[in-house]
Amino acid sequence: MTLGLGLVDQLAIVPNYGDEQEDAHGQKLERTVAMAPAALPIVGIPARTALIRSGEGIWSYEGAAEPVVFVGGTRAGGLDALKT
């Protein structure tokens, strides 16, 4: 894991999630999940997709494909798994 911009606390991002050219064997996601604290949500964001948080704290996305959320090393589903 690396330190990002620090714009959102308690959230890790894996960019280009599912892009075989970027991460052919899924190692980037596996490393991030392995190094993250168990309760830290990890969001895999596909290429050409933006993760958006409204002023009310509601998460949504725009773009090519829906982001995927992992918590505790397990796929937790879509953006509904993120706390507002």
N, C-alpha and C. Protein backbone atom coordinates (compact mmCIF):
# COMPACT_ATOMS: atom_id res chain seq x y z
N MET A 1 0.85 -1.18 0.00
CA MET A 1 0.00 0.00 0.00
C MET A 1 0.89 1.23 0.00
N THR A 2 0.40 2.27 -0.62
CA THR A 2 1.12 3.53 -0.62
C THR A 2 0.17 4.62 -0.13
N LEU A 3 0.75 5.68 0.33
CA LEU A 3 -0.03 6.82 0.81
C LEU A 3 -0.54 7.60 -0.39
N GLY A 4 -1.81 7.87 -0.39
CA GLY A 4 -2.41 8.63 -1.48
C GLY A 4 -2.48 10.10 -1.14
N LEU A 5 -3.48 10.75 -1.65
CA LEU A 5 -3.65 12.19 -1.43
C LEU A 5 -4.24 12.50 -0.06
N GLY A 6 -4.83 11.51 0.59
CA GLY A 6 -5.41 11.73 1.91
C GLY A 6 -6.72 12.48 1.88
N LEU A 7 -7.42 12.43 0.76
CA LEU A 7 -8.68 13.15 0.66
C LEU A 7 -9.84 12.45 1.36
N VAL A 8 -9.74 11.12 1.46
CA VAL A 8 -10.79 10.33 2.12
C VAL A 8 -10.12 9.43 3.15
N ASP A 9 -10.53 9.54 4.39
CA ASP A 9 -9.99 8.69 5.45
C ASP A 9 -10.64 7.31 5.41
N GLN A 10 -9.91 6.32 5.86
CA GLN A 10 -10.42 4.97 6.06
C GLN A 10 -10.96 4.33 4.78
N LEU A 11 -10.20 4.47 3.69
CA LEU A 11 -10.58 3.88 2.41
C LEU A 11 -9.33 3.69 1.58
N ALA A 12 -9.19 2.50 0.99
CA ALA A 12 -8.07 2.24 0.08
C ALA A 12 -8.64 2.03 -1.32
N ILE A 13 -7.89 2.48 -2.32
CA ILE A 13 -8.33 2.41 -3.71
C ILE A 13 -7.34 1.57 -4.50
N VAL A 14 -7.86 0.69 -5.35
CA VAL A 14 -7.04 -0.03 -6.33
C VAL A 14 -7.52 0.45 -7.70
N PRO A 15 -6.72 1.31 -8.35
CA PRO A 15 -7.12 1.83 -9.66
C PRO A 15 -6.96 0.77 -10.75
N ASN A 16 -7.66 0.97 -11.84
CA ASN A 16 -7.61 0.07 -13.00
C ASN A 16 -7.95 -1.36 -12.63
N TYR A 17 -8.87 -1.53 -11.69
CA TYR A 17 -9.30 -2.86 -11.24
C TYR A 17 -9.88 -3.63 -12.43
N GLY A 18 -9.43 -4.87 -12.60
CA GLY A 18 -9.93 -5.72 -13.67
C GLY A 18 -9.24 -5.54 -15.01
N ASP A 19 -8.30 -4.61 -15.10
CA ASP A 19 -7.57 -4.36 -16.34
C ASP A 19 -6.43 -5.37 -16.46
N GLU A 20 -6.55 -6.30 -17.39
CA GLU A 20 -5.55 -7.36 -17.51
C GLU A 20 -4.19 -6.84 -17.92
N GLN A 21 -4.13 -5.77 -18.67
CA GLN A 21 -2.83 -5.20 -19.05
C GLN A 21 -2.16 -4.53 -17.85
N GLU A 22 -2.96 -3.93 -16.99
CA GLU A 22 -2.44 -3.23 -15.81
C GLU A 22 -2.03 -4.21 -14.70
N ASP A 23 -2.81 -5.27 -14.52
CA ASP A 23 -2.59 -6.20 -13.41
C ASP A 23 -3.08 -7.59 -13.81
N ALA A 24 -2.34 -8.24 -14.70
CA ALA A 24 -2.77 -9.48 -15.34
C ALA A 24 -3.16 -10.58 -14.36
N HIS A 25 -2.49 -10.69 -13.23
CA HIS A 25 -2.76 -11.78 -12.29
C HIS A 25 -3.46 -11.33 -11.02
N GLY A 26 -3.93 -10.10 -10.98
CA GLY A 26 -4.63 -9.59 -9.80
C GLY A 26 -3.74 -9.39 -8.60
N GLN A 27 -2.42 -9.31 -8.80
CA GLN A 27 -1.49 -9.20 -7.68
C GLN A 27 -1.62 -7.87 -6.94
N LYS A 28 -1.92 -6.81 -7.66
CA LYS A 28 -2.05 -5.50 -7.01
C LYS A 28 -3.18 -5.53 -5.98
N LEU A 29 -4.30 -6.12 -6.35
CA LEU A 29 -5.42 -6.23 -5.42
C LEU A 29 -5.07 -7.16 -4.27
N GLU A 30 -4.47 -8.30 -4.55
CA GLU A 30 -4.10 -9.25 -3.50
C GLU A 30 -3.14 -8.62 -2.49
N ARG A 31 -2.15 -7.88 -2.96
CA ARG A 31 -1.19 -7.22 -2.06
C ARG A 31 -1.88 -6.18 -1.19
N THR A 32 -2.76 -5.41 -1.79
CA THR A 32 -3.46 -4.37 -1.04
C THR A 32 -4.34 -4.98 0.03
N VAL A 33 -5.08 -6.03 -0.33
CA VAL A 33 -5.96 -6.70 0.64
C VAL A 33 -5.13 -7.31 1.77
N ALA A 34 -3.99 -7.93 1.43
CA ALA A 34 -3.15 -8.57 2.44
C ALA A 34 -2.54 -7.55 3.41
N MET A 35 -2.22 -6.37 2.95
CA MET A 35 -1.56 -5.36 3.79
C MET A 35 -2.53 -4.46 4.53
N ALA A 36 -3.77 -4.44 4.12
CA ALA A 36 -4.75 -3.53 4.73
C ALA A 36 -5.28 -4.08 6.05
N PRO A 37 -5.59 -3.19 7.00
CA PRO A 37 -6.27 -3.63 8.21
C PRO A 37 -7.60 -4.30 7.84
N ALA A 38 -8.01 -5.26 8.63
CA ALA A 38 -9.18 -6.09 8.30
C ALA A 38 -10.46 -5.28 8.05
N ALA A 39 -10.67 -4.21 8.77
CA ALA A 39 -11.91 -3.44 8.64
C ALA A 39 -11.84 -2.35 7.57
N LEU A 40 -10.67 -2.17 6.94
CA LEU A 40 -10.51 -1.10 5.94
C LEU A 40 -11.15 -1.50 4.63
N PRO A 41 -12.14 -0.75 4.14
CA PRO A 41 -12.72 -1.04 2.84
C PRO A 41 -11.71 -0.75 1.73
N ILE A 42 -11.64 -1.65 0.76
CA ILE A 42 -10.78 -1.48 -0.40
C ILE A 42 -11.70 -1.45 -1.62
N VAL A 43 -11.57 -0.39 -2.42
CA VAL A 43 -12.43 -0.24 -3.58
C VAL A 43 -11.61 -0.44 -4.84
N GLY A 44 -12.00 -1.43 -5.64
CA GLY A 44 -11.38 -1.64 -6.95
C GLY A 44 -12.15 -0.82 -7.97
N ILE A 45 -11.47 0.16 -8.56
CA ILE A 45 -12.14 1.05 -9.51
C ILE A 45 -11.65 0.72 -10.92
N PRO A 46 -12.56 0.28 -11.80
CA PRO A 46 -12.17 -0.03 -13.17
C PRO A 46 -11.68 1.21 -13.92
N ALA A 47 -10.92 0.98 -14.97
CA ALA A 47 -10.45 2.08 -15.81
C ALA A 47 -11.65 2.83 -16.38
N ARG A 48 -11.47 4.10 -16.61
CA ARG A 48 -12.50 4.98 -17.16
C ARG A 48 -13.73 5.06 -16.27
N THR A 49 -13.50 4.96 -14.94
CA THR A 49 -14.59 5.02 -13.97
C THR A 49 -14.17 5.96 -12.84
N ALA A 50 -15.12 6.76 -12.37
CA ALA A 50 -14.86 7.68 -11.26
C ALA A 50 -15.72 7.29 -10.06
N LEU A 51 -15.12 7.35 -8.88
CA LEU A 51 -15.84 7.13 -7.63
C LEU A 51 -16.23 8.50 -7.09
N ILE A 52 -17.49 8.67 -6.76
CA ILE A 52 -18.01 9.98 -6.38
C ILE A 52 -18.69 9.88 -5.02
N ARG A 53 -18.40 10.86 -4.16
CA ARG A 53 -19.07 10.93 -2.85
C ARG A 53 -19.79 12.27 -2.77
N SER A 54 -21.10 12.22 -2.55
CA SER A 54 -21.89 13.45 -2.46
C SER A 54 -21.62 14.14 -1.13
N GLY A 55 -22.09 15.36 -1.01
CA GLY A 55 -21.95 16.11 0.24
C GLY A 55 -22.64 15.44 1.40
N GLU A 56 -23.63 14.60 1.11
CA GLU A 56 -24.35 13.87 2.15
C GLU A 56 -23.65 12.56 2.51
N GLY A 57 -22.54 12.26 1.82
CA GLY A 57 -21.79 11.04 2.12
C GLY A 57 -22.23 9.81 1.36
N ILE A 58 -23.05 9.99 0.35
CA ILE A 58 -23.54 8.86 -0.45
C ILE A 58 -22.57 8.61 -1.60
N TRP A 59 -22.16 7.33 -1.78
CA TRP A 59 -21.20 6.95 -2.81
C TRP A 59 -21.92 6.56 -4.09
N SER A 60 -21.36 6.97 -5.22
CA SER A 60 -21.87 6.57 -6.53
C SER A 60 -20.68 6.50 -7.48
N TYR A 61 -20.94 6.18 -8.70
CA TYR A 61 -19.87 6.14 -9.70
C TYR A 61 -20.40 6.58 -11.05
N GLU A 62 -19.51 6.97 -11.90
CA GLU A 62 -19.80 7.28 -13.30
C GLU A 62 -18.71 6.63 -14.13
N GLY A 63 -19.09 6.05 -15.24
CA GLY A 63 -18.07 5.52 -16.12
C GLY A 63 -18.36 4.13 -16.65
N ALA A 64 -17.26 3.44 -16.96
CA ALA A 64 -17.32 2.19 -17.70
C ALA A 64 -17.92 1.02 -16.93
N ALA A 65 -17.63 0.90 -15.65
CA ALA A 65 -18.09 -0.27 -14.89
C ALA A 65 -18.18 0.06 -13.41
N GLU A 66 -19.01 -0.69 -12.69
CA GLU A 66 -19.20 -0.44 -11.26
C GLU A 66 -17.98 -0.86 -10.45
N PRO A 67 -17.54 -0.02 -9.52
CA PRO A 67 -16.46 -0.41 -8.61
C PRO A 67 -16.89 -1.58 -7.72
N VAL A 68 -15.89 -2.30 -7.21
CA VAL A 68 -16.13 -3.45 -6.34
C VAL A 68 -15.49 -3.16 -4.99
N VAL A 69 -16.20 -3.49 -3.91
CA VAL A 69 -15.71 -3.23 -2.55
C VAL A 69 -15.32 -4.55 -1.89
N PHE A 70 -14.14 -4.53 -1.24
CA PHE A 70 -13.65 -5.67 -0.46
C PHE A 70 -13.46 -5.21 0.98
N VAL A 71 -13.88 -6.03 1.93
CA VAL A 71 -13.66 -5.74 3.35
C VAL A 71 -13.19 -7.03 4.01
N GLY A 72 -12.09 -6.95 4.73
CA GLY A 72 -11.55 -8.13 5.40
C GLY A 72 -11.13 -9.22 4.44
N GLY A 73 -10.71 -8.83 3.24
CA GLY A 73 -10.26 -9.79 2.25
C GLY A 73 -11.36 -10.47 1.46
N THR A 74 -12.61 -10.10 1.74
CA THR A 74 -13.75 -10.71 1.07
C THR A 74 -14.49 -9.67 0.25
N ARG A 75 -14.95 -10.08 -0.90
CA ARG A 75 -15.74 -9.17 -1.73
C ARG A 75 -17.05 -8.86 -1.01
N ALA A 76 -17.24 -7.57 -0.70
CA ALA A 76 -18.40 -7.15 0.07
C ALA A 76 -19.53 -6.67 -0.84
N GLY A 77 -19.28 -6.57 -2.13
CA GLY A 77 -20.31 -6.14 -3.05
C GLY A 77 -20.01 -4.79 -3.66
N GLY A 78 -21.08 -4.07 -3.92
CA GLY A 78 -20.96 -2.76 -4.55
C GLY A 78 -20.79 -1.64 -3.54
N LEU A 79 -21.08 -0.46 -3.97
CA LEU A 79 -20.84 0.73 -3.15
C LEU A 79 -21.72 0.80 -1.91
N ASP A 80 -22.78 0.00 -1.86
CA ASP A 80 -23.62 -0.03 -0.66
C ASP A 80 -22.84 -0.52 0.56
N ALA A 81 -21.72 -1.22 0.33
CA ALA A 81 -20.91 -1.72 1.43
C ALA A 81 -20.08 -0.62 2.10
N LEU A 82 -20.00 0.54 1.46
CA LEU A 82 -19.24 1.66 2.05
C LEU A 82 -20.12 2.42 3.02
N LYS A 83 -19.53 2.83 4.12
CA LYS A 83 -20.27 3.65 5.09
C LYS A 83 -20.41 5.06 4.55
N THR A 84 -21.51 5.69 4.90
CA THR A 84 -21.70 7.09 4.49
C THR A 84 -21.07 8.02 5.47
